[in-house]
Protein backbone atom coordinates (compact mmCIF):
# COMPACT_ATOMS: atom_id res chain seq x y z
CA MET A 1 -62.16 -195.69 -44.56
CA GLY A 2 -58.67 -196.30 -45.85
CA ALA A 3 -55.55 -197.60 -44.23
CA PHE A 4 -53.50 -195.31 -42.00
CA ILE A 5 -50.26 -195.35 -40.03
CA ILE A 6 -49.66 -193.93 -36.58
CA ASP A 7 -46.14 -192.93 -35.52
CA VAL A 8 -46.25 -193.50 -31.77
CA SER A 9 -43.06 -191.47 -31.30
CA LYS A 10 -45.04 -188.37 -32.38
CA ILE A 11 -47.98 -188.92 -30.05
CA LYS A 12 -48.15 -187.07 -26.75
CA LEU A 13 -49.20 -189.47 -24.02
CA GLN A 14 -51.65 -188.06 -21.50
CA LYS A 15 -51.50 -188.56 -17.75
CA VAL A 16 -53.74 -191.40 -16.54
CA GLU A 17 -56.54 -189.57 -14.77
CA MET A 18 -57.49 -192.00 -12.03
CA GLU A 19 -57.31 -191.39 -8.31
CA GLY A 20 -54.10 -192.97 -7.05
CA ALA A 21 -52.43 -193.22 -10.46
CA GLU A 22 -48.81 -192.06 -10.37
CA LYS A 23 -46.30 -191.56 -13.19
CA ALA A 24 -48.63 -193.33 -15.64
CA TYR A 25 -49.45 -192.10 -19.16
CA MET A 26 -51.50 -193.40 -22.07
CA ALA A 27 -52.77 -192.62 -25.55
CA TRP A 28 -55.49 -194.06 -27.74
CA LEU A 29 -53.90 -195.36 -30.96
CA ILE A 30 -56.84 -196.93 -32.77
CA SER A 31 -60.47 -196.68 -31.70
CA ASP A 32 -63.87 -196.14 -33.22
CA ASP A 33 -62.98 -192.43 -33.31
CA ASN A 34 -60.57 -193.06 -36.20
CA ALA A 35 -61.50 -196.47 -37.67
CA PRO A 36 -64.43 -198.92 -37.89
CA VAL A 37 -62.99 -201.32 -35.32
CA SER A 38 -64.38 -203.65 -32.67
CA PHE A 39 -61.29 -203.34 -30.43
CA ALA A 40 -59.49 -200.22 -29.28
CA MET A 41 -55.69 -200.15 -29.11
CA ARG A 42 -53.97 -198.05 -26.47
CA ILE A 43 -50.37 -197.56 -25.39
CA PHE A 44 -49.33 -197.08 -21.77
CA LYS A 45 -46.08 -195.85 -20.25
CA VAL A 46 -45.54 -196.29 -16.52
CA GLU A 47 -42.38 -194.65 -15.24
CA PRO A 48 -40.20 -196.22 -12.53
CA GLY A 49 -42.10 -196.07 -9.25
CA GLY A 50 -45.35 -195.46 -11.13
CA ARG A 51 -48.62 -197.31 -10.82
CA ILE A 52 -52.26 -197.57 -11.81
CA PRO A 53 -54.21 -198.53 -8.67
CA LEU A 54 -56.66 -201.36 -8.17
CA HIS A 55 -59.81 -200.86 -10.25
CA THR A 56 -62.55 -202.84 -11.99
CA HIS A 57 -64.60 -202.39 -15.17
CA TRP A 58 -66.83 -204.32 -17.56
CA TYR A 59 -64.24 -204.97 -20.28
CA TYR A 60 -61.27 -207.29 -20.53
CA HIS A 61 -57.69 -206.37 -21.55
CA GLU A 62 -55.26 -207.98 -23.93
CA ILE A 63 -51.82 -206.62 -23.05
CA PHE A 64 -48.47 -206.93 -24.84
CA CYS A 65 -45.33 -205.57 -23.17
CA ILE A 66 -42.92 -203.78 -25.51
CA GLY A 67 -40.42 -202.52 -22.93
CA GLY A 68 -39.49 -202.58 -19.28
CA GLU A 69 -41.28 -204.70 -16.73
CA GLY A 70 -44.06 -204.41 -14.24
CA LYS A 71 -46.37 -206.21 -11.89
CA VAL A 72 -49.93 -206.92 -12.95
CA THR A 73 -52.19 -207.84 -10.05
CA VAL A 74 -55.42 -209.57 -11.07
CA GLY A 75 -57.93 -210.80 -8.54
CA GLY A 76 -55.23 -210.96 -5.86
CA GLU A 77 -52.73 -212.88 -8.04
CA GLU A 78 -49.48 -211.11 -8.98
CA PHE A 79 -47.73 -211.58 -12.32
CA ILE A 80 -44.53 -210.00 -13.67
CA LEU A 81 -44.93 -208.84 -17.26
CA LYS A 82 -41.68 -208.25 -19.21
CA LYS A 83 -40.81 -207.33 -22.78
CA ASN A 84 -42.33 -209.71 -25.36
CA MET A 85 -44.80 -211.16 -22.84
CA ALA A 86 -48.58 -210.96 -23.14
CA ALA A 87 -51.32 -211.01 -20.50
CA PHE A 88 -55.08 -211.35 -20.37
CA VAL A 89 -57.08 -209.53 -17.68
CA PRO A 90 -60.70 -210.77 -17.41
CA PRO A 91 -63.65 -208.40 -17.07
CA ASN A 92 -65.11 -207.41 -13.71
CA VAL A 93 -62.01 -208.54 -11.79
CA PRO A 94 -60.04 -206.03 -9.66
CA HIS A 95 -56.63 -205.36 -11.22
CA SER A 96 -53.70 -202.95 -10.95
CA TYR A 97 -50.35 -202.19 -12.59
CA GLU A 98 -47.02 -201.20 -11.03
CA ASN A 99 -43.63 -200.56 -12.61
CA THR A 100 -41.16 -202.81 -10.79
CA GLY A 101 -38.09 -201.95 -12.85
CA ASN A 102 -35.65 -199.10 -13.38
CA GLU A 103 -36.86 -198.08 -16.83
CA ASN A 104 -40.18 -197.11 -18.36
CA TRP A 105 -42.66 -199.98 -18.58
CA VAL A 106 -44.43 -199.70 -21.94
CA PHE A 107 -47.28 -201.89 -23.07
CA ILE A 108 -49.99 -202.05 -25.70
CA CYS A 109 -53.47 -202.66 -24.33
CA MET A 110 -56.39 -203.79 -26.47
CA ILE A 111 -59.94 -203.55 -25.15
CA PRO A 112 -63.28 -204.41 -26.76
CA LEU A 113 -65.69 -201.65 -27.59
CA LYS A 114 -68.94 -201.92 -25.69
CA LYS A 115 -71.07 -202.02 -28.80
CA GLU A 116 -69.37 -205.28 -29.84
CA VAL A 117 -69.63 -206.87 -26.39
CA GLU A 118 -73.36 -206.13 -26.24
CA LYS A 119 -73.86 -208.28 -29.36
CA LEU A 120 -72.69 -211.44 -27.55
């Protein structure tokens, strides 16, 4: 597998398909579908007034905000995530996302691939 470049401006983000999600879109940038990686990289856009409701899953998130701002709720604690800020969301803890600003909230989200976590 060789190196490759992804122009995010040419990717069509898909609606987040989760009950209760509103005005939230995402795309897979790098995953084991296109590279031999142990982490997947995704991009999210949450429009003003948009949200991804409270949910839980086995994997953790490493998030880096590249634009806008939003509220990340993790285990009942609320954090504001703005441009150039990073956040860690632990596994198996209820969490949600909500755009609290007047512009699109855009963030990169890295998650481990299950096959790598099972090796621990």
